[in-house]
């Protein structure tokens, strides 16, 4: 049996060649993976951005999940996600829990959104005031005839309490008053839109990105929910959309966040029906 003696110089050349061959695309190591979890409102943005980002950086794997803003933030505090998406601002109790767990929550605003009030397309009602919306959702108004519509029972559709959209709606439209006990509770914007589209007497609320011809958005205080009224804050139920991380993003997480904030990322936000930042 013959043995080949490998000199130090040859060994260095072989190692160098191995490194050159395995240089990761765009400077990222192959096999890197991270998780995004949270808001169903932000979900379309996160999914679309992740798909394009992975195409641009082969070897990077991104897992995107919904569940609600509260679920996303809880997962970040439990260190089971790298990025939490949220359609409402972090709560004081979440900040306290983060501090006790030595987690430094870092906030990034990625877009603006309007919470649109939607009704069935056959409903003649076109406009509501904030007082009327509150009266509907707290049970003081229960028939569309009280609002200029046909005589029909109002079916109020709401979100579950882990939803950032619910919490933003509760603060912006209900002044923290409790939702009527007979309201239908759903787990996503899409579910709200679907129920309203299929139920003549229903009313619900969704992020602006979930508006379609299958439902009708009513004006609130005489202002339509549009990208321009949301960006100018003229629409009464406007809000920001957030990403939260443990500390200021670094490495691949920073590259992803920068991508969403870039011109290309703003285009994705707009294509998904939301409002890009100036």
Protein backbone atom coordinates (compact mmCIF):
# COMPACT_ATOMS: atom_id res chain seq x y z
CA UNK A 1 0.00 0.00 0.00
CA UNK A 2 1.37 3.37 -0.98
CA UNK A 3 0.89 6.50 1.15
CA UNK A 4 1.00 10.04 -0.19
CA UNK A 5 2.84 12.50 2.01
CA UNK A 6 0.94 15.77 2.25
CA UNK A 7 3.16 18.75 2.86
CA UNK A 8 2.08 21.72 4.95
CA UNK A 9 1.86 23.84 1.80
CA UNK A 10 -0.43 21.30 0.11
CA UNK A 11 -2.62 21.11 3.20
CA UNK A 12 -3.00 24.90 3.28
CA UNK A 13 -3.98 24.93 -0.40
CA UNK A 14 -6.59 22.21 0.17
CA UNK A 15 -8.10 24.04 3.14
CA UNK A 16 -8.17 27.31 1.19
CA UNK A 17 -9.90 25.60 -1.72
CA UNK A 18 -12.50 24.09 0.64
CA UNK A 19 -13.24 27.49 2.14
CA UNK A 20 -13.61 29.10 -1.30
CA UNK A 21 -16.04 26.41 -2.45
CA UNK A 22 -18.13 26.75 0.72
CA UNK A 23 -18.32 30.53 0.93
CA UNK A 24 -22.04 31.13 1.62
CA UNK A 25 -24.10 33.15 -0.82
CA UNK A 26 -24.23 36.86 0.07
CA UNK A 27 -21.98 36.21 3.07
CA UNK A 28 -24.49 34.05 4.98
CA UNK A 29 -23.79 30.51 6.14
CA UNK A 30 -25.88 27.84 4.46
CA UNK A 31 -28.41 26.22 6.75
CA UNK A 32 -29.13 29.32 8.84
CA UNK A 33 -32.75 29.37 9.97
CA UNK A 34 -34.90 31.73 11.99
CA UNK A 35 -38.55 32.01 13.00
CA UNK A 36 -41.12 34.79 12.71
CA UNK A 37 -44.32 34.46 14.74
CA UNK A 38 -47.29 36.60 15.71
CA UNK A 39 -49.84 38.95 14.16
CA UNK A 40 -52.17 37.62 11.48
CA UNK A 41 -52.39 41.20 10.19
CA UNK A 42 -48.63 41.34 9.58
CA UNK A 43 -48.59 37.72 8.36
CA UNK A 44 -49.01 38.50 4.61
CA UNK A 45 -46.13 41.00 4.75
CA UNK A 46 -43.89 38.57 6.64
CA UNK A 47 -44.69 35.69 4.30
CA UNK A 48 -44.14 37.66 1.08
CA UNK A 49 -40.94 39.27 2.36
CA UNK A 50 -39.59 35.93 3.58
CA UNK A 51 -40.19 34.21 0.24
CA UNK A 52 -38.30 36.88 -1.69
CA UNK A 53 -35.53 37.08 0.92
CA UNK A 54 -34.98 33.31 0.76
CA UNK A 55 -34.88 33.44 -3.04
CA UNK A 56 -32.18 36.09 -2.85
CA UNK A 57 -30.23 34.18 -0.19
CA UNK A 58 -30.24 30.42 -0.93
CA UNK A 59 -29.58 28.34 2.16
CA UNK A 60 -31.52 30.65 4.48
CA UNK A 61 -34.69 29.10 5.93
CA UNK A 62 -37.42 31.26 7.46
CA UNK A 63 -40.43 29.83 9.28
CA UNK A 64 -43.40 32.23 9.35
CA UNK A 65 -46.35 31.60 11.67
CA UNK A 66 -49.47 33.49 12.77
CA UNK A 67 -51.34 33.01 16.02
CA UNK A 68 -51.83 36.64 17.02
CA UNK A 69 -49.69 39.48 18.33
CA UNK A 70 -49.88 38.23 21.91
CA UNK A 71 -48.71 34.78 20.85
CA UNK A 72 -45.78 36.26 18.95
CA UNK A 73 -44.63 38.44 21.83
CA UNK A 74 -45.06 35.59 24.34
CA UNK A 75 -42.95 33.38 22.07
CA UNK A 76 -40.23 36.04 21.93
CA UNK A 77 -40.26 36.26 25.73
CA UNK A 78 -40.05 32.46 25.92
CA UNK A 79 -37.21 32.55 23.37
CA UNK A 80 -39.08 30.28 20.95
CA UNK A 81 -39.09 32.80 18.10
CA UNK A 82 -36.49 35.20 16.73
CA UNK A 83 -38.92 37.88 15.54
CA UNK A 84 -42.35 38.69 16.93
CA UNK A 85 -44.78 40.50 14.64
CA UNK A 86 -47.41 42.69 16.26
CA UNK A 87 -50.27 44.92 15.17
CA UNK A 88 -50.25 46.72 18.52
CA UNK A 89 -47.61 48.25 20.74
CA UNK A 90 -45.93 46.22 23.47
CA UNK A 91 -47.74 46.22 26.84
CA UNK A 92 -46.26 47.33 30.15
CA UNK A 93 -46.67 43.85 31.65
CA UNK A 94 -44.83 42.36 28.67
CA UNK A 95 -42.01 44.84 29.17
CA UNK A 96 -41.86 43.87 32.86
CA UNK A 97 -41.70 40.17 31.99
CA UNK A 98 -38.98 40.85 29.44
CA UNK A 99 -36.88 42.68 32.02
CA UNK A 100 -37.28 39.87 34.54
CA UNK A 101 -36.11 37.41 31.85
CA UNK A 102 -33.17 39.62 30.83
CA UNK A 103 -34.71 40.20 27.40
CA UNK A 104 -34.19 43.61 25.81
CA UNK A 105 -37.22 44.17 23.59
CA UNK A 106 -36.36 46.20 20.50
CA UNK A 107 -39.15 47.74 18.43
CA UNK A 108 -39.17 48.37 14.67
CA UNK A 109 -42.14 49.99 12.91
CA UNK A 110 -42.44 48.45 9.43
CA UNK A 111 -45.74 49.82 8.09
CA UNK A 112 -48.99 51.60 8.85
CA UNK A 113 -52.45 50.08 8.86
CA UNK A 114 -56.06 51.11 9.22
CA UNK A 115 -58.65 49.00 11.01
CA UNK A 116 -61.49 48.95 8.50
CA UNK A 117 -65.11 48.40 9.60
CA UNK A 118 -66.69 46.04 7.10
CA UNK A 119 -70.29 44.99 6.42
CA UNK A 120 -71.95 42.68 3.92
CA UNK A 121 -72.13 44.10 0.40
CA UNK A 122 -75.96 43.95 0.53
CA UNK A 123 -76.06 46.17 3.62
CA UNK A 124 -77.19 49.72 2.65
CA UNK A 125 -75.36 51.35 5.61
CA UNK A 126 -72.31 53.23 4.33
CA UNK A 127 -71.13 55.32 7.28
CA UNK A 128 -70.74 54.97 11.04
CA UNK A 129 -69.48 57.19 13.84
CA UNK A 130 -67.16 55.96 16.59
CA UNK A 131 -70.05 56.24 19.07
CA UNK A 132 -72.22 54.04 16.84
CA UNK A 133 -69.41 51.48 16.46
CA UNK A 134 -68.99 51.37 20.23
CA UNK A 135 -72.74 51.01 20.72
CA UNK A 136 -72.81 48.10 18.25
CA UNK A 137 -69.96 46.24 19.88
CA UNK A 138 -71.08 46.84 23.46
CA UNK A 139 -74.65 45.74 22.69
CA UNK A 140 -76.48 49.07 22.98
CA UNK A 141 -77.45 48.91 19.29
CA UNK A 142 -78.62 45.51 18.07
CA UNK A 143 -80.60 46.16 14.87
CA UNK A 144 -79.51 47.76 11.60
CA UNK A 145 -82.76 49.76 11.46
CA UNK A 146 -81.36 51.86 14.33
CA UNK A 147 -78.60 52.97 11.94
CA UNK A 148 -80.68 53.70 8.86
CA UNK A 149 -80.51 50.19 7.46
CA UNK A 150 -83.10 47.46 6.98
CA UNK A 151 -84.75 45.76 9.94
CA UNK A 152 -82.20 43.00 10.65
CA UNK A 153 -80.28 41.76 13.65
CA UNK A 154 -76.68 42.95 13.86
CA UNK A 155 -74.18 40.10 13.99
CA UNK A 156 -71.02 41.55 15.56
CA UNK A 157 -67.84 39.71 14.58
CA UNK A 158 -64.74 40.28 16.68
CA UNK A 159 -61.24 38.88 17.22
CA UNK A 160 -59.89 36.77 20.08
CA UNK A 161 -58.13 38.52 22.95
CA UNK A 162 -54.65 37.41 21.83
CA UNK A 163 -55.11 39.48 18.68
CA UNK A 164 -53.29 42.79 18.34
CA UNK A 165 -56.08 43.93 16.04
CA UNK A 166 -58.60 43.29 18.82
CA UNK A 167 -56.55 45.25 21.33
CA UNK A 168 -56.03 48.16 18.94
CA UNK A 169 -59.75 48.17 18.08
CA UNK A 170 -60.66 47.97 21.76
CA UNK A 171 -58.51 51.02 22.49
CA UNK A 172 -59.30 53.10 19.40
CA UNK A 173 -63.01 52.36 18.98
CA UNK A 174 -64.37 51.01 22.26
CA UNK A 175 -62.48 53.06 24.86
CA UNK A 176 -61.59 49.75 26.54
CA UNK A 177 -65.25 48.79 27.09
CA UNK A 178 -66.07 45.08 26.91
CA UNK A 179 -67.40 43.52 23.72
CA UNK A 180 -70.97 42.21 23.82
CA UNK A 181 -71.10 38.55 24.99
CA UNK A 182 -72.98 37.33 21.90
CA UNK A 183 -70.29 38.55 19.47
CA UNK A 184 -68.76 35.92 17.18
CA UNK A 185 -65.07 35.50 18.00
CA UNK A 186 -62.64 34.52 15.27
CA UNK A 187 -58.90 33.85 15.11
CA UNK A 188 -57.87 35.86 12.04
CA UNK A 189 -58.60 38.82 9.78
CA UNK A 190 -59.41 36.40 6.97
CA UNK A 191 -62.01 34.60 9.08
CA UNK A 192 -63.68 37.92 9.97
CA UNK A 193 -63.86 38.93 6.30
CA UNK A 194 -65.25 35.53 5.32
CA UNK A 195 -68.03 35.59 7.91
CA UNK A 196 -69.05 39.14 6.99
CA UNK A 197 -69.07 38.24 3.29
CA UNK A 198 -71.38 35.30 3.97
CA UNK A 199 -73.66 36.89 6.59
CA UNK A 200 -76.04 39.71 5.51
CA UNK A 201 -76.37 41.23 9.00
CA UNK A 202 -72.72 40.97 10.02
CA UNK A 203 -70.20 43.67 10.84
CA UNK A 204 -66.52 43.10 11.52
CA UNK A 205 -63.14 44.81 11.52
CA UNK A 206 -59.98 43.91 9.60
CA UNK A 207 -56.63 45.37 8.62
CA UNK A 208 -56.72 47.44 5.44
CA UNK A 209 -54.81 44.71 3.61
CA UNK A 210 -57.80 42.38 3.95
CA UNK A 211 -60.29 44.61 2.15
CA UNK A 212 -61.79 43.13 -1.03
CA UNK A 213 -64.83 43.36 -3.27
CA UNK A 214 -66.45 40.60 -1.20
CA UNK A 215 -67.13 43.02 1.68
CA UNK A 216 -67.95 46.72 2.00
CA UNK A 217 -65.91 49.11 4.13
CA UNK A 218 -67.95 51.85 5.78
CA UNK A 219 -66.57 55.29 6.55
CA UNK A 220 -65.73 56.15 10.17
CA UNK A 221 -66.53 59.73 11.20
CA UNK A 222 -66.95 60.47 7.49
CA UNK A 223 -63.44 59.27 6.58
CA UNK A 224 -62.81 56.27 4.33
CA UNK A 225 -60.12 53.76 5.26
CA UNK A 226 -57.56 54.35 2.49
CA UNK A 227 -53.78 54.37 2.30
CA UNK A 228 -53.67 58.15 2.13
CA UNK A 229 -55.99 58.72 5.11
CA UNK A 230 -54.09 56.15 7.17
CA UNK A 231 -50.68 57.66 6.36
CA UNK A 232 -51.94 61.14 7.19
CA UNK A 233 -53.62 59.85 10.38
CA UNK A 234 -56.94 61.33 9.24
CA UNK A 235 -58.59 57.92 9.50
CA UNK A 236 -59.65 57.53 13.18
CA UNK A 237 -58.63 53.86 13.46
CA UNK A 238 -55.06 54.10 12.14
CA UNK A 239 -52.18 52.20 13.77
CA UNK A 240 -48.59 51.11 13.26
CA UNK A 241 -47.37 47.55 12.56
CA UNK A 242 -44.33 46.29 14.43
CA UNK A 243 -41.48 43.80 14.56
CA UNK A 244 -40.00 43.00 17.98
CA UNK A 245 -36.64 41.34 18.59
CA UNK A 246 -34.48 40.50 21.59
CA UNK A 247 -32.08 43.44 21.37
CA UNK A 248 -31.20 45.43 18.28
CA UNK A 249 -31.21 43.04 15.30
CA UNK A 250 -27.84 41.63 14.27
CA UNK A 251 -26.52 39.42 11.50
CA UNK A 252 -29.10 37.70 9.35
CA UNK A 253 -32.00 39.11 11.43
CA UNK A 254 -30.73 42.63 10.82
CA UNK A 255 -30.41 41.92 7.08
CA UNK A 256 -34.02 40.73 7.00
CA UNK A 257 -35.34 43.74 8.93
CA UNK A 258 -33.33 46.08 6.69
CA UNK A 259 -34.86 44.31 3.69
CA UNK A 260 -38.42 44.98 4.89
CA UNK A 261 -37.53 48.64 5.51
CA UNK A 262 -35.90 48.98 2.10
CA UNK A 263 -37.51 50.30 -1.08
CA UNK A 264 -38.15 46.70 -2.15
CA UNK A 265 -39.69 45.90 1.22
CA UNK A 266 -41.96 48.96 1.04
CA UNK A 267 -43.14 47.69 -2.34
CA UNK A 268 -44.05 44.35 -0.74
CA UNK A 269 -45.97 46.17 2.02
CA UNK A 270 -47.92 48.15 -0.58
CA UNK A 271 -48.59 45.08 -2.74
CA UNK A 272 -50.08 43.32 0.28
CA UNK A 273 -52.51 46.21 0.69
CA UNK A 274 -50.90 47.97 3.65
CA UNK A 275 -49.30 51.42 3.92
CA UNK A 276 -45.55 51.76 3.45
CA UNK A 277 -43.59 54.24 5.54
CA UNK A 278 -42.43 57.50 3.97
